[in-house]
Amino acid sequence: MIDYKIIGQRVQKTRMGLGMTQESLAEKLRVSTNYLSKIETGREKPNLEMLAKISVAVDVSLADLLTGVVEGRQYLQKDFADILASCSPEKVRLMYDVLARIAQYE
């Protein structure tokens, strides 16, 4: 089942991350601000064509918009694994400590 509320939250989060207003995105999509607001709150169920237009307008893949899974994440995991495999246990522990601290500051 498609959760339009979560998709709407992703649209809003992405739009805000780009510093876009609802008005500017609505204008880009050629829809009313009210319609976009309803999409972002999950009160409107946009069709696939509208979701595709939104994904282009905010420069994210349609898959990311629908699933929340960033394309290429597995690619990064492999890169991290390769880096870790080439390091000494001491360096791995140091990297872990640094990443754990960075993760605390979200």
N, C-alpha and C. Protein backbone atom coordinates (compact mmCIF):
# COMPACT_ATOMS: atom_id res chain seq x y z
N MET A 1 0.84 -1.18 0.00
CA MET A 1 0.00 0.00 0.00
C MET A 1 0.88 1.25 0.00
N ILE A 2 0.54 2.20 -0.79
CA ILE A 2 1.31 3.43 -0.90
C ILE A 2 0.93 4.37 0.23
N ASP A 3 1.91 4.87 0.95
CA ASP A 3 1.66 5.82 2.02
C ASP A 3 1.93 7.22 1.50
N TYR A 4 0.88 7.89 1.08
CA TYR A 4 1.01 9.22 0.47
C TYR A 4 1.45 10.27 1.48
N LYS A 5 1.19 10.04 2.74
CA LYS A 5 1.62 10.99 3.76
C LYS A 5 3.16 11.00 3.85
N ILE A 6 3.76 9.82 3.82
CA ILE A 6 5.22 9.73 3.88
C ILE A 6 5.84 10.30 2.61
N ILE A 7 5.24 10.01 1.47
CA ILE A 7 5.74 10.58 0.21
C ILE A 7 5.66 12.10 0.27
N GLY A 8 4.55 12.61 0.76
CA GLY A 8 4.39 14.06 0.91
C GLY A 8 5.44 14.66 1.83
N GLN A 9 5.76 13.95 2.90
CA GLN A 9 6.80 14.43 3.82
C GLN A 9 8.15 14.47 3.12
N ARG A 10 8.41 13.48 2.27
CA ARG A 10 9.67 13.48 1.52
C ARG A 10 9.73 14.65 0.55
N VAL A 11 8.60 14.93 -0.09
CA VAL A 11 8.55 16.08 -1.01
C VAL A 11 8.86 17.35 -0.23
N GLN A 12 8.19 17.53 0.89
CA GLN A 12 8.37 18.74 1.70
C GLN A 12 9.82 18.86 2.19
N LYS A 13 10.35 17.77 2.72
CA LYS A 13 11.72 17.79 3.25
C LYS A 13 12.72 18.14 2.15
N THR A 14 12.55 17.55 0.98
CA THR A 14 13.45 17.82 -0.14
C THR A 14 13.32 19.26 -0.60
N ARG A 15 12.08 19.72 -0.72
CA ARG A 15 11.83 21.11 -1.14
C ARG A 15 12.48 22.09 -0.17
N MET A 16 12.25 21.87 1.10
CA MET A 16 12.80 22.77 2.12
C MET A 16 14.33 22.70 2.15
N GLY A 17 14.87 21.51 1.92
CA GLY A 17 16.32 21.35 1.87
C GLY A 17 16.95 22.15 0.75
N LEU A 18 16.17 22.38 -0.29
CA LEU A 18 16.65 23.19 -1.42
C LEU A 18 16.38 24.68 -1.21
N GLY A 19 15.71 24.99 -0.11
CA GLY A 19 15.37 26.39 0.16
C GLY A 19 14.24 26.90 -0.71
N MET A 20 13.42 25.99 -1.21
CA MET A 20 12.30 26.36 -2.08
C MET A 20 11.05 26.58 -1.24
N THR A 21 10.26 27.54 -1.63
CA THR A 21 8.95 27.73 -1.02
C THR A 21 7.94 26.84 -1.73
N GLN A 22 6.80 26.65 -1.09
CA GLN A 22 5.73 25.91 -1.77
C GLN A 22 5.32 26.65 -3.03
N GLU A 23 5.32 27.97 -2.94
CA GLU A 23 4.90 28.78 -4.09
C GLU A 23 5.83 28.57 -5.28
N SER A 24 7.14 28.56 -5.01
CA SER A 24 8.07 28.42 -6.13
C SER A 24 8.01 27.02 -6.74
N LEU A 25 7.85 25.99 -5.91
CA LEU A 25 7.73 24.64 -6.46
C LEU A 25 6.41 24.48 -7.20
N ALA A 26 5.35 25.00 -6.63
CA ALA A 26 4.04 24.92 -7.30
C ALA A 26 4.09 25.59 -8.66
N GLU A 27 4.74 26.74 -8.72
CA GLU A 27 4.87 27.46 -9.99
C GLU A 27 5.65 26.62 -11.00
N LYS A 28 6.72 26.02 -10.54
CA LYS A 28 7.54 25.17 -11.41
C LYS A 28 6.74 23.98 -11.95
N LEU A 29 5.85 23.46 -11.10
CA LEU A 29 5.03 22.31 -11.49
C LEU A 29 3.75 22.70 -12.23
N ARG A 30 3.46 24.02 -12.24
CA ARG A 30 2.24 24.54 -12.83
C ARG A 30 0.99 23.98 -12.16
N VAL A 31 1.04 23.99 -10.81
CA VAL A 31 -0.11 23.59 -10.00
C VAL A 31 -0.32 24.68 -8.95
N SER A 32 -1.44 24.62 -8.26
CA SER A 32 -1.71 25.61 -7.22
C SER A 32 -0.91 25.27 -5.96
N THR A 33 -0.65 26.29 -5.18
CA THR A 33 0.04 26.08 -3.90
C THR A 33 -0.82 25.21 -2.99
N ASN A 34 -2.12 25.39 -3.07
CA ASN A 34 -3.04 24.59 -2.27
C ASN A 34 -2.92 23.10 -2.61
N TYR A 35 -2.83 22.80 -3.90
CA TYR A 35 -2.68 21.41 -4.34
C TYR A 35 -1.36 20.82 -3.84
N LEU A 36 -0.28 21.58 -3.96
CA LEU A 36 1.02 21.10 -3.47
C LEU A 36 0.98 20.89 -1.97
N SER A 37 0.34 21.79 -1.25
CA SER A 37 0.21 21.65 0.20
C SER A 37 -0.51 20.35 0.55
N LYS A 38 -1.55 20.04 -0.20
CA LYS A 38 -2.29 18.80 0.05
C LYS A 38 -1.44 17.57 -0.24
N ILE A 39 -0.58 17.65 -1.26
CA ILE A 39 0.34 16.54 -1.54
C ILE A 39 1.30 16.37 -0.36
N GLU A 40 1.86 17.48 0.10
CA GLU A 40 2.86 17.41 1.17
C GLU A 40 2.27 16.92 2.49
N THR A 41 0.99 17.12 2.69
CA THR A 41 0.36 16.66 3.94
C THR A 41 -0.32 15.31 3.78
N GLY A 42 -0.28 14.75 2.59
CA GLY A 42 -0.87 13.44 2.35
C GLY A 42 -2.37 13.46 2.15
N ARG A 43 -2.95 14.64 2.00
CA ARG A 43 -4.40 14.75 1.77
C ARG A 43 -4.75 14.60 0.29
N GLU A 44 -3.75 14.63 -0.55
CA GLU A 44 -3.95 14.46 -2.00
C GLU A 44 -3.07 13.31 -2.46
N LYS A 45 -3.61 12.48 -3.34
CA LYS A 45 -2.87 11.33 -3.86
C LYS A 45 -2.44 11.64 -5.29
N PRO A 46 -1.22 12.15 -5.48
CA PRO A 46 -0.78 12.49 -6.83
C PRO A 46 -0.57 11.24 -7.67
N ASN A 47 -0.83 11.38 -8.97
CA ASN A 47 -0.58 10.25 -9.86
C ASN A 47 0.92 10.15 -10.16
N LEU A 48 1.29 9.09 -10.83
CA LEU A 48 2.70 8.84 -11.12
C LEU A 48 3.32 9.94 -11.96
N GLU A 49 2.56 10.49 -12.88
CA GLU A 49 3.06 11.58 -13.72
C GLU A 49 3.43 12.80 -12.87
N MET A 50 2.57 13.15 -11.91
CA MET A 50 2.85 14.29 -11.04
C MET A 50 4.06 14.00 -10.15
N LEU A 51 4.15 12.79 -9.63
CA LEU A 51 5.32 12.44 -8.81
C LEU A 51 6.61 12.53 -9.62
N ALA A 52 6.54 12.13 -10.89
CA ALA A 52 7.71 12.23 -11.76
C ALA A 52 8.09 13.69 -11.98
N LYS A 53 7.09 14.54 -12.18
CA LYS A 53 7.36 15.98 -12.35
C LYS A 53 7.99 16.57 -11.09
N ILE A 54 7.48 16.16 -9.94
CA ILE A 54 8.04 16.64 -8.67
C ILE A 54 9.49 16.19 -8.53
N SER A 55 9.75 14.94 -8.85
CA SER A 55 11.12 14.42 -8.70
C SER A 55 12.10 15.19 -9.59
N VAL A 56 11.68 15.54 -10.79
CA VAL A 56 12.53 16.33 -11.68
C VAL A 56 12.72 17.73 -11.11
N ALA A 57 11.64 18.32 -10.62
CA ALA A 57 11.69 19.70 -10.12
C ALA A 57 12.59 19.86 -8.90
N VAL A 58 12.66 18.81 -8.07
CA VAL A 58 13.49 18.89 -6.86
C VAL A 58 14.78 18.09 -6.99
N ASP A 59 15.02 17.57 -8.19
CA ASP A 59 16.26 16.88 -8.53
C ASP A 59 16.56 15.68 -7.64
N VAL A 60 15.55 14.82 -7.46
CA VAL A 60 15.76 13.53 -6.80
C VAL A 60 15.16 12.47 -7.72
N SER A 61 15.62 11.25 -7.57
CA SER A 61 15.05 10.20 -8.41
C SER A 61 13.64 9.88 -7.95
N LEU A 62 12.84 9.41 -8.87
CA LEU A 62 11.48 9.01 -8.53
C LEU A 62 11.51 7.88 -7.50
N ALA A 63 12.46 6.97 -7.66
CA ALA A 63 12.58 5.86 -6.71
C ALA A 63 12.85 6.38 -5.30
N ASP A 64 13.70 7.37 -5.18
CA ASP A 64 13.99 7.95 -3.87
C ASP A 64 12.75 8.61 -3.29
N LEU A 65 12.03 9.31 -4.10
CA LEU A 65 10.81 9.97 -3.66
C LEU A 65 9.77 8.95 -3.17
N LEU A 66 9.65 7.85 -3.88
CA LEU A 66 8.66 6.83 -3.53
C LEU A 66 9.09 5.95 -2.36
N THR A 67 10.36 5.63 -2.30
CA THR A 67 10.81 4.65 -1.29
C THR A 67 11.63 5.24 -0.16
N GLY A 68 12.22 6.39 -0.39
CA GLY A 68 13.10 6.96 0.63
C GLY A 68 14.49 6.35 0.62
N VAL A 69 14.72 5.42 -0.30
CA VAL A 69 16.03 4.78 -0.41
C VAL A 69 16.83 5.53 -1.45
N VAL A 70 17.94 6.10 -1.02
CA VAL A 70 18.77 6.87 -1.92
C VAL A 70 19.51 5.92 -2.84
N GLU A 71 19.35 6.14 -4.15
CA GLU A 71 20.06 5.31 -5.11
C GLU A 71 21.56 5.46 -4.91
N GLY A 72 22.27 4.35 -5.04
CA GLY A 72 23.71 4.41 -4.90
C GLY A 72 24.20 4.15 -3.48
N ARG A 73 23.27 3.99 -2.56
CA ARG A 73 23.67 3.75 -1.17
C ARG A 73 24.51 2.48 -1.06
N GLN A 74 24.12 1.43 -1.79
CA GLN A 74 24.90 0.20 -1.76
C GLN A 74 26.30 0.44 -2.31
N TYR A 75 26.40 1.31 -3.30
CA TYR A 75 27.70 1.65 -3.87
C TYR A 75 28.59 2.25 -2.79
N LEU A 76 28.04 3.15 -2.01
CA LEU A 76 28.81 3.77 -0.93
C LEU A 76 29.19 2.76 0.13
N GLN A 77 28.28 1.84 0.44
CA GLN A 77 28.60 0.82 1.44
C GLN A 77 29.78 -0.03 0.99
N LYS A 78 29.83 -0.35 -0.29
CA LYS A 78 30.96 -1.13 -0.82
C LYS A 78 32.25 -0.31 -0.70
N ASP A 79 32.17 0.98 -1.03
CA ASP A 79 33.35 1.85 -0.91
C ASP A 79 33.85 1.90 0.53
N PHE A 80 32.91 2.05 1.47
CA PHE A 80 33.31 2.07 2.88
C PHE A 80 33.95 0.74 3.29
N ALA A 81 33.36 -0.35 2.84
CA ALA A 81 33.91 -1.67 3.16
C ALA A 81 35.31 -1.83 2.59
N ASP A 82 35.54 -1.35 1.38
CA ASP A 82 36.86 -1.43 0.76
C ASP A 82 37.89 -0.61 1.54
N ILE A 83 37.47 0.58 1.96
CA ILE A 83 38.38 1.42 2.75
C ILE A 83 38.72 0.75 4.07
N LEU A 84 37.71 0.23 4.74
CA LEU A 84 37.95 -0.43 6.03
C LEU A 84 38.85 -1.65 5.88
N ALA A 85 38.66 -2.39 4.80
CA ALA A 85 39.47 -3.59 4.58
C ALA A 85 40.94 -3.26 4.38
N SER A 86 41.23 -2.05 3.93
CA SER A 86 42.62 -1.68 3.66
C SER A 86 43.31 -1.04 4.88
N CYS A 87 42.58 -0.89 5.98
CA CYS A 87 43.13 -0.21 7.16
C CYS A 87 43.48 -1.17 8.28
N SER A 88 44.39 -0.72 9.10
CA SER A 88 44.76 -1.49 10.29
C SER A 88 43.60 -1.44 11.29
N PRO A 89 43.56 -2.37 12.25
CA PRO A 89 42.50 -2.35 13.27
C PRO A 89 42.48 -1.04 14.06
N GLU A 90 43.64 -0.45 14.27
CA GLU A 90 43.70 0.82 15.00
C GLU A 90 43.01 1.94 14.22
N LYS A 91 43.27 1.99 12.91
CA LYS A 91 42.63 3.01 12.07
C LYS A 91 41.12 2.79 11.98
N VAL A 92 40.70 1.53 11.90
CA VAL A 92 39.28 1.22 11.85
C VAL A 92 38.60 1.72 13.11
N ARG A 93 39.21 1.49 14.26
CA ARG A 93 38.63 1.95 15.52
C ARG A 93 38.56 3.48 15.55
N LEU A 94 39.59 4.15 15.09
CA LEU A 94 39.61 5.60 15.05
C LEU A 94 38.49 6.12 14.13
N MET A 95 38.33 5.51 12.96
CA MET A 95 37.27 5.92 12.05
C MET A 95 35.89 5.71 12.68
N TYR A 96 35.74 4.60 13.36
CA TYR A 96 34.48 4.33 14.04
C TYR A 96 34.18 5.42 15.07
N ASP A 97 35.17 5.76 15.88
CA ASP A 97 34.98 6.79 16.90
C ASP A 97 34.58 8.13 16.28
N VAL A 98 35.24 8.51 15.19
CA VAL A 98 34.94 9.78 14.51
C VAL A 98 33.52 9.75 13.93
N LEU A 99 33.16 8.67 13.25
CA LEU A 99 31.83 8.57 12.65
C LEU A 99 30.73 8.55 13.72
N ALA A 100 30.99 7.88 14.83
CA ALA A 100 30.00 7.85 15.91
C ALA A 100 29.76 9.25 16.46
N ARG A 101 30.80 10.03 16.58
CA ARG A 101 30.64 11.41 17.07
C ARG A 101 29.92 12.28 16.06
N ILE A 102 30.25 12.11 14.78
CA ILE A 102 29.57 12.88 13.73
C ILE A 102 28.08 12.53 13.74
N ALA A 103 27.74 11.25 13.88
CA ALA A 103 26.35 10.82 13.86
C ALA A 103 25.55 11.43 15.01
N GLN A 104 26.20 11.76 16.11
CA GLN A 104 25.50 12.36 17.25
C GLN A 104 25.03 13.78 16.94
N TYR A 105 25.62 14.44 15.97
CA TYR A 105 25.32 15.84 15.68
C TYR A 105 24.33 16.03 14.55
N GLU A 106 23.40 15.11 14.37
CA GLU A 106 22.41 15.24 13.29
C GLU A 106 21.47 16.36 13.54
